[in-house]
N, C-alpha and C. Protein backbone atom coordinates (compact mmCIF):
# COMPACT_ATOMS: atom_id res chain seq x y z
N UNK A 1 109.95 96.59 81.14
CA UNK A 1 110.24 97.78 82.01
C UNK A 1 111.70 96.72 83.19
N UNK A 2 112.99 97.75 82.79
CA UNK A 2 114.25 97.12 83.88
C UNK A 2 113.99 97.25 85.73
N UNK A 3 113.79 96.65 86.46
CA UNK A 3 113.08 96.61 87.53
C UNK A 3 114.57 97.29 87.83
N UNK A 4 115.83 97.21 87.29
CA UNK A 4 116.59 97.58 88.54
C UNK A 4 117.19 98.41 87.84
N UNK A 5 116.34 99.05 87.39
CA UNK A 5 117.29 100.69 86.51
C UNK A 5 115.55 101.57 87.17
N UNK A 6 115.08 100.35 88.23
CA UNK A 6 113.85 102.15 88.47
C UNK A 6 114.12 102.54 89.76
N UNK A 7 114.09 103.69 90.30
CA UNK A 7 115.03 104.28 91.30
C UNK A 7 113.62 104.29 92.27
N UNK A 8 113.78 104.06 93.67
CA UNK A 8 112.36 104.40 94.21
C UNK A 8 112.48 106.55 94.28
N UNK A 9 111.31 106.60 95.11
CA UNK A 9 111.47 108.75 94.74
C UNK A 9 111.56 108.65 95.89
N UNK A 10 112.40 107.71 96.94
CA UNK A 10 112.57 108.22 98.59
C UNK A 10 114.65 107.05 98.11
N UNK A 11 114.64 107.94 98.42
CA UNK A 11 116.12 107.16 99.27
C UNK A 11 117.25 107.57 100.40
N UNK A 12 117.53 106.41 101.64
CA UNK A 12 117.23 106.44 103.03
C UNK A 12 118.39 106.64 103.09
N UNK A 13 119.53 107.21 103.53
CA UNK A 13 120.91 107.63 103.52
C UNK A 13 121.44 107.49 104.47
N UNK A 14 120.60 107.76 105.56
CA UNK A 14 120.99 107.54 107.28
C UNK A 14 119.48 107.14 108.13
N UNK A 15 120.24 106.34 108.88
CA UNK A 15 119.18 105.75 110.48
C UNK A 15 120.21 105.68 111.44
N UNK A 16 119.33 106.61 112.77
CA UNK A 16 119.57 106.60 113.51
C UNK A 16 119.03 106.03 114.75
N UNK A 17 118.82 104.67 115.85
CA UNK A 17 118.08 104.04 115.68
C UNK A 17 118.59 104.34 117.96
N UNK A 18 117.75 105.02 119.13
CA UNK A 18 118.41 104.87 119.91
C UNK A 18 117.09 104.13 121.06
N UNK A 19 117.51 103.07 121.69
CA UNK A 19 116.47 101.65 122.16
C UNK A 19 116.70 101.78 123.67
N UNK A 20 115.17 102.11 124.08
CA UNK A 20 115.13 100.91 126.16
C UNK A 20 114.24 100.08 125.94
N UNK A 21 114.81 99.22 126.62
CA UNK A 21 114.22 97.62 127.10
C UNK A 21 113.48 97.43 127.99
N UNK A 22 112.23 96.92 127.95
CA UNK A 22 111.96 96.74 129.61
C UNK A 22 111.37 95.81 129.64
N UNK A 23 112.20 94.62 130.07
CA UNK A 23 112.04 93.27 129.74
C UNK A 23 110.35 91.75 130.72
N UNK A 24 110.73 93.72 131.92
CA UNK A 24 109.38 93.17 132.65
C UNK A 24 108.31 92.82 132.75
N UNK A 25 107.75 94.16 131.26
CA UNK A 25 106.64 94.67 130.75
C UNK A 25 106.81 94.28 129.11
N UNK A 26 107.49 93.72 128.31
CA UNK A 26 107.68 93.03 127.21
C UNK A 26 107.36 95.01 126.22
N UNK A 27 107.54 96.30 126.93
CA UNK A 27 107.95 95.90 125.87
C UNK A 27 109.11 97.59 125.57
N UNK A 28 108.97 97.85 124.59
CA UNK A 28 110.25 98.84 123.86
C UNK A 28 110.23 100.90 123.72
N UNK A 29 110.99 101.49 124.18
CA UNK A 29 111.07 102.73 124.10
C UNK A 29 111.82 103.31 123.14
N UNK A 30 111.57 103.55 121.93
CA UNK A 30 112.88 103.78 120.78
C UNK A 30 112.55 105.32 120.95
N UNK A 31 113.60 106.12 120.33
CA UNK A 31 113.57 107.50 119.15
C UNK A 31 114.83 106.33 117.60
N UNK A 32 114.20 107.62 116.72
CA UNK A 32 114.51 106.97 115.83
C UNK A 32 115.02 108.44 114.82
N UNK A 33 115.83 108.19 114.45
CA UNK A 33 116.17 109.80 113.15
C UNK A 33 116.89 108.98 111.84
N UNK A 34 116.06 109.55 111.37
CA UNK A 34 115.76 109.20 109.55
C UNK A 34 116.05 109.55 108.75
N UNK A 35 117.43 109.80 107.84
CA UNK A 35 117.31 111.02 107.45
C UNK A 35 117.46 110.50 105.60
N UNK A 36 116.26 111.25 104.28
CA UNK A 36 116.42 110.81 103.10
C UNK A 36 116.41 111.88 102.64
N UNK A 37 116.36 112.32 101.27
CA UNK A 37 116.83 112.21 99.48
C UNK A 37 115.45 111.76 99.11
N UNK A 38 114.14 113.06 98.36
CA UNK A 38 113.75 112.43 97.49
C UNK A 38 114.39 113.27 96.78
N UNK A 39 114.32 111.79 95.79
CA UNK A 39 114.73 112.49 94.56
C UNK A 39 113.31 112.66 92.97
N UNK A 40 112.34 112.87 93.34
CA UNK A 40 111.02 113.12 92.87
C UNK A 40 111.14 114.14 93.54
N UNK A 41 109.12 114.89 93.11
CA UNK A 41 108.50 116.09 94.18
C UNK A 41 107.63 115.18 94.99
N UNK A 42 107.89 115.29 96.72
CA UNK A 42 106.86 113.37 96.72
C UNK A 42 106.47 114.24 98.29
N UNK A 43 105.36 113.60 98.35
CA UNK A 43 104.24 115.75 99.52
C UNK A 43 104.10 114.12 100.80
N UNK A 44 104.41 112.37 100.50
CA UNK A 44 104.56 111.94 102.08
C UNK A 44 105.14 110.69 101.19
N UNK A 45 105.68 109.80 102.71
CA UNK A 45 106.75 108.67 101.71
C UNK A 45 105.84 107.46 103.64
N UNK A 46 106.00 106.88 102.49
CA UNK A 46 105.53 105.34 103.48
C UNK A 46 106.76 104.93 104.09
N UNK A 47 107.22 104.54 104.99
CA UNK A 47 107.61 103.17 105.92
C UNK A 47 106.70 101.85 106.08
N UNK A 48 107.27 101.15 106.42
CA UNK A 48 107.21 99.93 106.63
C UNK A 48 107.67 99.77 108.30
N UNK A 49 106.62 98.99 109.17
CA UNK A 49 106.25 98.93 110.52
C UNK A 49 106.12 97.93 111.18
N UNK A 50 106.45 96.84 111.97
CA UNK A 50 106.45 95.99 112.46
C UNK A 50 104.85 96.49 113.52
N UNK A 51 103.53 95.97 113.06
CA UNK A 51 102.02 96.36 113.74
C UNK A 51 102.06 96.39 114.86
N UNK A 52 103.07 95.50 115.88
CA UNK A 52 103.03 95.96 118.07
C UNK A 52 104.06 97.57 118.28
N UNK A 53 104.52 98.09 116.98
CA UNK A 53 105.01 99.01 117.49
C UNK A 53 103.85 100.42 117.07
N UNK A 54 104.21 101.84 118.14
CA UNK A 54 102.85 102.46 117.86
C UNK A 54 103.91 104.19 118.35
N UNK A 55 104.31 104.54 116.45
CA UNK A 55 104.87 105.88 117.01
C UNK A 55 103.58 106.96 118.20
N UNK A 56 103.89 107.21 118.68
CA UNK A 56 103.66 108.83 119.60
C UNK A 56 104.04 110.34 118.86
N UNK A 57 104.60 110.54 118.47
CA UNK A 57 105.44 111.14 118.31
C UNK A 57 106.08 111.42 117.19
N UNK A 58 106.10 112.09 115.69
CA UNK A 58 106.38 111.71 114.27
C UNK A 58 107.21 113.65 113.69
N UNK A 59 109.06 113.73 114.15
CA UNK A 59 108.91 114.96 113.99
C UNK A 59 109.84 115.32 112.49
N UNK A 60 109.82 116.89 112.12
CA UNK A 60 110.35 116.88 110.95
C UNK A 60 111.97 117.94 111.64
N UNK A 61 112.48 117.76 110.90
CA UNK A 61 113.94 118.49 110.88
C UNK A 61 113.71 119.45 112.03
N UNK A 62 112.75 119.81 111.39
CA UNK A 62 112.62 121.76 112.71
C UNK A 62 112.41 121.21 113.91
N UNK A 63 111.62 120.19 113.69
CA UNK A 63 111.19 119.40 115.31
C UNK A 63 109.73 120.01 115.00
N UNK A 64 108.71 120.97 114.14
CA UNK A 64 107.96 120.97 114.45
C UNK A 64 106.83 119.15 113.35
N UNK A 65 105.93 119.06 114.52
CA UNK A 65 105.26 117.95 113.63
C UNK A 65 104.56 117.55 112.88
N UNK A 66 104.60 116.12 111.87
CA UNK A 66 103.79 116.00 110.45
C UNK A 66 103.07 115.39 111.08
N UNK A 67 102.25 115.20 110.28
CA UNK A 67 101.20 114.62 110.91
C UNK A 67 101.28 112.82 109.89
N UNK A 68 100.43 111.90 110.27
CA UNK A 68 101.34 110.83 109.50
C UNK A 68 99.94 109.77 110.28
N UNK A 69 99.07 108.37 109.30
CA UNK A 69 98.82 107.51 109.38
C UNK A 69 98.85 105.19 109.01
N UNK A 70 98.62 105.23 109.77
CA UNK A 70 98.92 103.70 109.65
C UNK A 70 97.95 103.35 108.47
N UNK A 71 98.65 102.18 107.42
CA UNK A 71 97.23 102.59 106.18
C UNK A 71 97.26 101.11 106.02
N UNK A 72 96.49 101.11 104.82
CA UNK A 72 96.06 99.19 103.44
C UNK A 72 96.69 98.16 105.40
N UNK A 73 97.81 97.24 105.49
CA UNK A 73 97.88 95.79 106.20
C UNK A 73 98.39 96.68 107.87
N UNK A 74 98.43 97.89 107.90
CA UNK A 74 98.09 98.88 109.19
C UNK A 74 100.14 98.28 109.37
N UNK A 75 100.70 97.66 108.84
CA UNK A 75 102.59 97.98 108.67
C UNK A 75 103.14 98.69 107.70
N UNK A 76 102.46 99.35 107.19
CA UNK A 76 102.79 101.01 107.01
C UNK A 76 103.16 101.99 107.18
N UNK A 77 103.34 103.18 108.11
CA UNK A 77 102.80 104.17 107.73
C UNK A 77 103.61 105.68 107.24
N UNK A 78 102.74 106.54 107.23
CA UNK A 78 102.68 108.05 105.79
C UNK A 78 102.81 108.89 106.56
N UNK A 79 103.20 109.02 106.35
CA UNK A 79 104.01 110.03 107.12
C UNK A 79 103.81 111.77 105.65
N UNK A 80 102.96 112.99 105.27
CA UNK A 80 102.99 113.30 105.60
C UNK A 80 103.94 114.14 105.55
N UNK A 81 104.76 115.32 104.63
CA UNK A 81 106.20 116.10 104.57
C UNK A 81 105.36 117.67 103.73
N UNK A 82 104.21 117.58 103.72
CA UNK A 82 103.35 118.80 102.93
C UNK A 82 102.84 119.46 105.16
N UNK A 83 102.89 121.38 105.06
CA UNK A 83 102.52 121.18 105.77
C UNK A 83 100.84 122.33 106.01
């Protein structure tokens, strides 16, 4: 199978990251907005994330909370798109 012909089930079209750094405590506080389009019917989306980052609130476009969990090696976050 031609790897270049394969498409990911989700295409990220835009992201915006607003971050605030706290050098004295070695912390970062950030808000990320990620817009994506599903190319097929999917119920979850996985994002790679540094192990030292801990999301506290994941919401959908309507502002309602989405369920999420770290999976595997802890570098991936799985976000459920279904209510």
